[in-house]
Protein backbone atom coordinates (compact mmCIF):
# COMPACT_ATOMS: atom_id res chain seq x y z
CA UNK A 1 17.59 59.74 26.90
CA UNK A 2 15.57 62.93 27.07
CA UNK A 3 15.24 64.74 30.39
CA UNK A 4 12.36 63.31 32.39
CA UNK A 5 9.27 65.50 32.37
CA UNK A 6 7.09 66.29 35.36
CA UNK A 7 4.59 63.73 34.01
CA UNK A 8 7.37 61.11 33.85
CA UNK A 9 8.35 61.74 37.48
CA UNK A 10 4.75 61.59 38.71
CA UNK A 11 4.16 58.36 36.76
CA UNK A 12 7.29 56.82 38.33
CA UNK A 13 6.10 57.86 41.81
CA UNK A 14 2.67 56.41 41.11
CA UNK A 15 4.09 53.07 39.93
CA UNK A 16 6.68 52.64 42.66
CA UNK A 17 4.26 53.87 45.31
CA UNK A 18 1.58 51.35 44.38
CA UNK A 19 4.13 48.53 44.32
CA UNK A 20 5.57 49.63 47.67
CA UNK A 21 2.13 49.76 49.34
CA UNK A 22 1.19 46.38 47.89
CA UNK A 23 4.34 44.75 49.27
CA UNK A 24 3.89 46.32 52.70
CA UNK A 25 0.22 45.35 52.85
CA UNK A 26 1.11 41.75 52.06
CA UNK A 27 3.47 41.33 55.03
CA UNK A 28 2.42 39.03 57.85
CA UNK A 29 3.49 39.85 61.44
CA UNK A 30 6.51 37.54 61.27
CA UNK A 31 7.97 39.08 58.13
CA UNK A 32 7.08 42.60 59.21
CA UNK A 33 9.23 42.13 62.32
CA UNK A 34 12.31 40.91 60.44
CA UNK A 35 15.40 43.15 60.56
CA UNK A 36 16.46 44.92 57.38
CA UNK A 37 20.04 44.03 56.40
CA UNK A 38 22.36 46.96 57.07
CA UNK A 39 19.77 49.08 58.86
CA UNK A 40 18.76 49.44 62.50
CA UNK A 41 15.10 49.03 61.51
CA UNK A 42 12.73 46.14 60.94
CA UNK A 43 10.65 45.89 57.78
CA UNK A 44 7.64 47.50 59.46
CA UNK A 45 9.80 50.29 60.91
CA UNK A 46 11.24 50.95 57.46
CA UNK A 47 7.72 51.29 56.05
CA UNK A 48 6.82 53.61 58.95
CA UNK A 49 9.91 55.70 58.17
CA UNK A 50 8.60 56.27 54.64
CA UNK A 51 5.33 57.50 56.16
CA UNK A 52 7.29 60.10 58.14
CA UNK A 53 9.24 61.21 55.06
CA UNK A 54 5.97 61.80 53.21
CA UNK A 55 4.82 63.71 56.28
CA UNK A 56 7.53 66.29 55.61
CA UNK A 57 5.57 67.25 52.52
CA UNK A 58 2.26 67.32 54.37
CA UNK A 59 2.81 69.71 57.23
CA UNK A 60 6.04 68.67 58.96
CA UNK A 61 8.50 71.40 57.95
CA UNK A 62 11.45 70.14 59.99
CA UNK A 63 14.72 69.81 58.08
CA UNK A 64 18.11 68.76 59.44
CA UNK A 65 20.58 71.62 59.86
CA UNK A 66 23.44 69.39 58.68
CA UNK A 67 23.69 66.30 56.52
CA UNK A 68 24.79 64.37 59.58
CA UNK A 69 21.62 65.45 61.36
CA UNK A 70 19.34 63.71 58.86
CA UNK A 71 19.70 60.35 60.64
CA UNK A 72 18.84 61.98 63.97
CA UNK A 73 15.77 63.65 62.46
CA UNK A 74 14.70 60.33 60.92
CA UNK A 75 15.00 58.63 64.31
CA UNK A 76 13.02 61.39 66.02
CA UNK A 77 10.21 61.24 63.47
CA UNK A 78 10.07 57.46 63.67
CA UNK A 79 9.83 57.57 67.47
CA UNK A 80 6.94 60.03 67.21
CA UNK A 81 5.00 57.86 64.76
CA UNK A 82 4.28 54.90 67.02
CA UNK A 83 1.83 52.84 64.94
CA UNK A 84 3.36 49.48 63.99
CA UNK A 85 0.25 47.74 62.68
CA UNK A 86 1.19 46.79 59.14
CA UNK A 87 -2.32 47.36 57.73
CA UNK A 88 -2.57 50.79 59.35
CA UNK A 89 0.83 51.73 57.93
CA UNK A 90 -0.14 50.48 54.45
CA UNK A 91 -3.34 52.55 54.61
CA UNK A 92 -1.40 55.63 55.73
CA UNK A 93 1.20 55.13 53.02
CA UNK A 94 -1.46 54.80 50.35
CA UNK A 95 -3.37 57.87 51.51
CA UNK A 96 -0.26 60.03 51.87
CA UNK A 97 1.13 58.99 48.51
CA UNK A 98 -2.12 59.86 46.78
CA UNK A 99 -2.16 63.26 48.47
CA UNK A 100 1.50 63.93 47.60
CA UNK A 101 1.16 62.85 43.97
CA UNK A 102 -2.32 64.12 43.16
CA UNK A 103 -2.55 67.29 45.26
CA UNK A 104 0.99 68.43 46.13
CA UNK A 105 3.38 67.58 43.32
CA UNK A 106 0.76 67.91 40.59
CA UNK A 107 0.41 71.60 41.51
CA UNK A 108 4.00 72.30 42.50
CA UNK A 109 6.43 74.30 40.37
CA UNK A 110 9.17 71.73 39.78
CA UNK A 111 11.71 74.47 39.00
CA UNK A 112 11.14 76.47 42.18
CA UNK A 113 13.64 76.02 45.02
CA UNK A 114 12.53 74.87 48.47
CA UNK A 115 14.35 74.46 51.83
CA UNK A 116 16.28 71.21 52.17
CA UNK A 117 18.56 69.49 54.65
CA UNK A 118 21.95 70.98 55.43
CA UNK A 119 20.68 74.53 55.08
CA UNK A 120 20.53 74.03 51.33
CA UNK A 121 17.70 74.11 48.80
CA UNK A 122 16.31 71.72 46.23
CA UNK A 123 13.96 72.15 43.31
CA UNK A 124 10.44 70.80 43.49
CA UNK A 125 11.40 68.24 40.87
CA UNK A 126 14.52 67.29 42.80
CA UNK A 127 12.45 66.73 45.92
CA UNK A 128 10.06 64.49 44.01
CA UNK A 129 13.03 62.49 42.75
CA UNK A 130 14.21 62.10 46.36
CA UNK A 131 10.81 60.65 47.32
CA UNK A 132 11.20 58.21 44.43
CA UNK A 133 14.58 57.23 45.92
CA UNK A 134 12.86 56.55 49.26
CA UNK A 135 10.35 54.23 47.62
CA UNK A 136 12.80 52.37 45.39
CA UNK A 137 15.60 51.93 47.93
CA UNK A 138 13.41 51.15 50.94
CA UNK A 139 11.37 48.82 48.76
CA UNK A 140 14.64 47.02 48.10
CA UNK A 141 15.33 46.98 51.85
CA UNK A 142 11.98 45.50 52.81
CA UNK A 143 12.20 42.92 50.04
CA UNK A 144 15.67 41.90 51.21
CA UNK A 145 14.36 41.42 54.75
CA UNK A 146 11.19 39.57 53.85
CA UNK A 147 12.02 37.52 50.76
CA UNK A 148 9.76 39.51 48.45
CA UNK A 149 10.66 40.37 44.88
CA UNK A 150 11.35 44.03 44.16
CA UNK A 151 12.23 45.32 40.74
CA UNK A 152 13.82 48.70 40.12
CA UNK A 153 13.02 49.73 36.54
CA UNK A 154 15.95 51.39 34.80
CA UNK A 155 13.90 54.45 33.83
CA UNK A 156 12.74 54.98 37.43
CA UNK A 157 16.26 54.57 38.84
CA UNK A 158 17.57 57.07 36.28
CA UNK A 159 14.94 59.59 37.36
CA UNK A 160 15.50 58.97 41.07
CA UNK A 161 19.30 59.30 41.21
CA UNK A 162 19.11 62.86 39.92
CA UNK A 163 17.51 63.98 43.19
CA UNK A 164 20.62 63.18 45.25
CA UNK A 165 22.83 64.44 42.44
CA UNK A 166 21.07 67.83 42.49
CA UNK A 167 21.16 68.25 46.26
CA UNK A 168 24.75 67.04 46.68
CA UNK A 169 25.97 69.20 43.81
CA UNK A 170 24.26 72.30 45.15
CA UNK A 171 25.92 71.84 48.55
CA UNK A 172 29.50 71.64 47.31
CA UNK A 173 29.65 73.06 43.80
CA UNK A 174 31.96 75.93 42.96
CA UNK A 175 33.25 77.42 39.74
CA UNK A 176 36.26 75.09 39.84
CA UNK A 177 34.37 71.93 40.74
CA UNK A 178 35.34 68.72 39.01
CA UNK A 179 32.41 66.60 37.89
CA UNK A 180 32.33 62.84 37.64
CA UNK A 181 30.14 61.62 34.79
CA UNK A 182 28.31 58.30 34.93
CA UNK A 183 26.66 56.99 31.77
CA UNK A 184 23.42 55.13 32.49
CA UNK A 185 22.62 54.34 28.88
CA UNK A 186 22.41 56.01 25.49
CA UNK A 187 22.26 59.80 25.89
CA UNK A 188 21.71 59.37 29.64
CA UNK A 189 24.59 60.76 31.69
CA UNK A 190 24.39 61.98 35.28
CA UNK A 191 27.05 64.22 36.82
CA UNK A 192 28.25 64.47 40.40
CA UNK A 193 30.56 67.11 41.85
CA UNK A 194 33.72 65.45 43.15
CA UNK A 195 34.96 66.12 46.65
CA UNK A 196 38.62 65.30 46.03
CA UNK A 197 39.26 66.37 42.47
CA UNK A 198 39.85 64.38 39.28
CA UNK A 199 39.96 60.60 39.38
CA UNK A 200 42.02 58.29 37.15
CA UNK A 201 39.07 57.88 34.76
CA UNK A 202 39.63 61.47 33.66
CA UNK A 203 36.89 63.00 31.56
CA UNK A 204 35.60 59.70 30.22
CA UNK A 205 32.15 58.79 31.56
CA UNK A 206 31.88 55.56 33.52
CA UNK A 207 29.20 53.08 32.50
CA UNK A 208 26.70 51.80 35.06
CA UNK A 209 23.22 50.37 35.16
CA UNK A 210 20.79 52.89 36.69
CA UNK A 211 19.69 50.54 39.50
CA UNK A 212 23.32 49.67 40.22
CA UNK A 213 24.26 53.33 40.67
CA UNK A 214 21.18 54.02 42.80
CA UNK A 215 21.81 51.13 45.19
CA UNK A 216 25.56 51.77 45.32
CA UNK A 217 24.99 55.46 46.08
CA UNK A 218 22.88 54.50 49.11
CA UNK A 219 25.37 51.84 50.23
CA UNK A 220 23.13 48.85 49.52
CA UNK A 221 25.52 47.08 47.18
CA UNK A 222 29.20 47.03 46.32
CA UNK A 223 30.11 47.49 42.68
CA UNK A 224 32.68 45.40 40.84
CA UNK A 225 33.94 48.17 38.54
CA UNK A 226 36.75 49.87 40.51
CA UNK A 227 36.24 53.14 38.61
CA UNK A 228 32.58 53.32 39.61
CA UNK A 229 33.45 52.33 43.17
CA UNK A 230 35.96 55.20 43.28
CA UNK A 231 33.34 57.69 42.09
CA UNK A 232 30.78 56.52 44.68
CA UNK A 233 33.41 56.72 47.43
CA UNK A 234 34.36 60.23 46.34
CA UNK A 235 30.87 61.69 46.51
CA UNK A 236 30.41 64.25 49.31
């Protein structure tokens, strides 16, 4: 698989964003108030969280000083954004996504580095991939809470997972770093810097479906392949 282009990333954001907004807009008050499995948020709070994440591209320049501080920053931003009307949130999501895709990322240098959490940096393209993660994973969360269907296309998951891979690798990489390789399909291998050194799989890449790796990385599912489970557990 060839490296995703800027156009590919923007198209993935456009598709996932429209699907995410459509699902949120279709929630009734009962389903909007349902808790998301594994999170401390309801479905409507999860949608509101995505609004606040987009806000960090539209004027809010706060970043967490440590990786552990990201959850605290998320909670602070969510407490500041108090609207819980599902239609208002859907409208805000739609407007912010259009601004981010059409007016921010379309003009952004995807190779330039920008401030990121943990005192690190991330490329413009890496940041866009992280936003795609937010949409795909939190779409999965809201669907799990509300009984909606939510597909994660393999091509979009493959694009998205490289955002976390870039930011994690930049935080911990050194000249002697060991890299775990995960094969997501033909000519599509993503690498992660290991935190504890080589694993029993050695240099052989481990096979995984792109959506499986994405959801396992964010702790949404457990994987049956013990080698893949060991890689996910070893990520910093």
